[in-house]
Amino acid sequence: MKTKPTVILLKGNGPISINNELMELITITTSHGFIGFPLKHLRAQKVVTLRDYDRFLTIEKEIITKPCCFVFSYDKLEDKDLELIKVEEFEILE
């Protein structure tokens, strides 16, 4: 059983709250490409999770909806991880 939080990579546009820190994703995406965090709590208007790293790197060219937060994890996101993500719209891309 996993005791440490799952590490996720984030990119996109729009405001989010990750682990009780507010941030604007567009500045991070433009400057660094993406940012990694342990998943303890995530709030956003729309979240799209991806399982393919290469697609994660270019997803903003495919989905141009704003605001949108793109999430990738090397580990499969389990149900308990998904419960930590609070959003209005949620989508999982294979």
C-alpha atoms as a PDB file:
ATOM      1  CA  MET A   1       0.000   0.000   0.000  1.00  0.00           C
ATOM      2  CA  LYS A   2       1.285   3.406  -1.006  1.00  0.00           C
ATOM      3  CA  THR A   3       1.811   5.867   1.878  1.00  0.00           C
ATOM      4  CA  LYS A   4       3.437   8.761   0.010  1.00  0.00           C
ATOM      5  CA  PRO A   5       1.361  11.095  -2.167  1.00  0.00           C
ATOM      6  CA  THR A   6       1.408  10.538  -5.929  1.00  0.00           C
ATOM      7  CA  VAL A   7       3.590  13.033  -7.793  1.00  0.00           C
ATOM      8  CA  ILE A   8       1.832  14.756 -10.682  1.00  0.00           C
ATOM      9  CA  LEU A   9       3.043  17.033 -13.467  1.00  0.00           C
ATOM     10  CA  LEU A  10       0.886  20.076 -14.223  1.00  0.00           C
ATOM     11  CA  LYS A  11       0.639  22.475 -17.138  1.00  0.00           C
ATOM     12  CA  GLY A  12      -2.057  24.496 -18.848  1.00  0.00           C
ATOM     13  CA  ASN A  13      -3.731  27.849 -18.419  1.00  0.00           C
ATOM     14  CA  GLY A  14      -5.917  29.386 -15.796  1.00  0.00           C
ATOM     15  CA  PRO A  15      -5.802  29.547 -12.011  1.00  0.00           C
ATOM     16  CA  ILE A  16      -5.522  26.452  -9.811  1.00  0.00           C
ATOM     17  CA  SER A  17      -5.066  25.640  -6.161  1.00  0.00           C
ATOM     18  CA  ILE A  18      -2.556  22.854  -5.513  1.00  0.00           C
ATOM     19  CA  ASN A  19      -1.907  21.778  -1.928  1.00  0.00           C
ATOM     20  CA  ASN A  20      -3.491  25.057  -0.718  1.00  0.00           C
ATOM     21  CA  GLU A  21      -1.220  27.231  -2.899  1.00  0.00           C
ATOM     22  CA  LEU A  22      -2.838  29.411  -5.550  1.00  0.00           C
ATOM     23  CA  MET A  23      -1.044  29.747  -8.865  1.00  0.00           C
ATOM     24  CA  GLU A  24      -1.568  30.723 -12.470  1.00  0.00           C
ATOM     25  CA  LEU A  25      -0.571  27.847 -14.766  1.00  0.00           C
ATOM     26  CA  ILE A  26       0.019  29.884 -17.923  1.00  0.00           C
ATOM     27  CA  THR A  27       3.126  31.552 -16.473  1.00  0.00           C
ATOM     28  CA  ILE A  28       4.566  28.190 -15.384  1.00  0.00           C
ATOM     29  CA  THR A  29       3.738  26.540 -18.712  1.00  0.00           C
ATOM     30  CA  THR A  30       5.248  29.404 -20.698  1.00  0.00           C
ATOM     31  CA  SER A  31       8.404  29.605 -18.557  1.00  0.00           C
ATOM     32  CA  HIS A  32       9.134  25.998 -17.644  1.00  0.00           C
ATOM     33  CA  GLY A  33       6.811  23.748 -19.653  1.00  0.00           C
ATOM     34  CA  PHE A  34       5.317  22.061 -16.565  1.00  0.00           C
ATOM     35  CA  ILE A  35       5.754  21.739 -12.810  1.00  0.00           C
ATOM     36  CA  GLY A  36       5.671  18.724 -10.489  1.00  0.00           C
ATOM     37  CA  PHE A  37       3.903  18.467  -7.135  1.00  0.00           C
ATOM     38  CA  PRO A  38       2.917  15.733  -4.715  1.00  0.00           C
ATOM     39  CA  LEU A  39      -0.863  15.422  -5.006  1.00  0.00           C
ATOM     40  CA  LYS A  40      -2.438  16.306  -1.690  1.00  0.00           C
ATOM     41  CA  HIS A  41      -5.230  18.551  -2.995  1.00  0.00           C
ATOM     42  CA  LEU A  42      -6.021  20.067  -6.419  1.00  0.00           C
ATOM     43  CA  ARG A  43      -8.807  22.489  -7.338  1.00  0.00           C
ATOM     44  CA  ALA A  44      -9.385  23.773 -10.859  1.00  0.00           C
ATOM     45  CA  GLN A  45     -12.245  24.560 -13.198  1.00  0.00           C
ATOM     46  CA  LYS A  46     -11.316  21.867 -15.748  1.00  0.00           C
ATOM     47  CA  VAL A  47      -8.777  19.047 -15.441  1.00  0.00           C
ATOM     48  CA  VAL A  48      -7.667  16.691 -18.191  1.00  0.00           C
ATOM     49  CA  THR A  49      -5.493  13.768 -17.080  1.00  0.00           C
ATOM     50  CA  LEU A  50      -3.286  11.943 -19.537  1.00  0.00           C
ATOM     51  CA  ARG A  51      -1.515   8.608 -19.359  1.00  0.00           C
ATOM     52  CA  ASP A  52       0.830   9.234 -22.314  1.00  0.00           C
ATOM     53  CA  TYR A  53       3.826  11.463 -21.479  1.00  0.00           C
ATOM     54  CA  ASP A  54       4.549  12.418 -25.104  1.00  0.00           C
ATOM     55  CA  ARG A  55       0.948  13.493 -25.602  1.00  0.00           C
ATOM     56  CA  PHE A  56       1.088  15.434 -22.301  1.00  0.00           C
ATOM     57  CA  LEU A  57       3.979  17.488 -23.695  1.00  0.00           C
ATOM     58  CA  THR A  58       1.909  18.709 -26.678  1.00  0.00           C
ATOM     59  CA  ILE A  59      -1.690  18.499 -25.414  1.00  0.00           C
ATOM     60  CA  GLU A  60      -2.237  22.278 -25.312  1.00  0.00           C
ATOM     61  CA  LYS A  61      -2.057  22.275 -29.141  1.00  0.00           C
ATOM     62  CA  GLU A  62      -4.864  19.699 -29.262  1.00  0.00           C
ATOM     63  CA  ILE A  63      -7.163  21.020 -26.512  1.00  0.00           C
ATOM     64  CA  ILE A  64      -7.364  24.804 -26.549  1.00  0.00           C
ATOM     65  CA  THR A  65     -10.187  25.195 -24.010  1.00  0.00           C
ATOM     66  CA  LYS A  66      -9.417  27.847 -21.407  1.00  0.00           C
ATOM     67  CA  PRO A  67      -9.047  27.570 -18.485  1.00  0.00           C
ATOM     68  CA  CYS A  68      -7.741  24.011 -18.431  1.00  0.00           C
ATOM     69  CA  CYS A  69      -5.247  22.135 -16.262  1.00  0.00           C
ATOM     70  CA  PHE A  70      -3.442  19.150 -17.782  1.00  0.00           C
ATOM     71  CA  VAL A  71      -2.210  16.455 -15.380  1.00  0.00           C
ATOM     72  CA  PHE A  72       0.233  13.587 -15.943  1.00  0.00           C
ATOM     73  CA  SER A  73       1.482  11.008 -13.460  1.00  0.00           C
ATOM     74  CA  TYR A  74       4.060   8.283 -14.013  1.00  0.00           C
ATOM     75  CA  ASP A  75       2.059   6.182 -11.548  1.00  0.00           C
ATOM     76  CA  LYS A  76      -1.534   5.312 -12.372  1.00  0.00           C
ATOM     77  CA  LEU A  77      -3.909   7.652 -10.578  1.00  0.00           C
ATOM     78  CA  GLU A  78      -5.950   5.524  -8.209  1.00  0.00           C
ATOM     79  CA  ASP A  79      -9.450   6.277  -6.917  1.00  0.00           C
ATOM     80  CA  LYS A  80      -8.042   7.805  -3.728  1.00  0.00           C
ATOM     81  CA  ASP A  81      -5.890  10.147  -5.870  1.00  0.00           C
ATOM     82  CA  LEU A  82      -8.875  11.163  -7.980  1.00  0.00           C
ATOM     83  CA  GLU A  83     -10.831  12.013  -4.823  1.00  0.00           C
ATOM     84  CA  LEU A  84      -8.211  14.692  -4.091  1.00  0.00           C
ATOM     85  CA  ILE A  85      -9.009  16.473  -7.371  1.00  0.00           C
ATOM     86  CA  LYS A  86     -11.984  18.845  -7.041  1.00  0.00           C
ATOM     87  CA  VAL A  87     -13.176  20.179 -10.403  1.00  0.00           C
ATOM     88  CA  GLU A  88     -16.256  21.227 -12.358  1.00  0.00           C
ATOM     89  CA  GLU A  89     -15.148  19.298 -15.477  1.00  0.00           C
ATOM     90  CA  PHE A  90     -12.936  16.204 -15.443  1.00  0.00           C
ATOM     91  CA  GLU A  91     -11.668  14.121 -18.359  1.00  0.00           C
ATOM     92  CA  ILE A  92      -9.256  11.175 -18.627  1.00  0.00           C
ATOM     93  CA  LEU A  93      -7.497  10.672 -21.946  1.00  0.00           C
ATOM     94  CA  GLU A  94      -5.950   7.287 -22.660  1.00  0.00           C
END
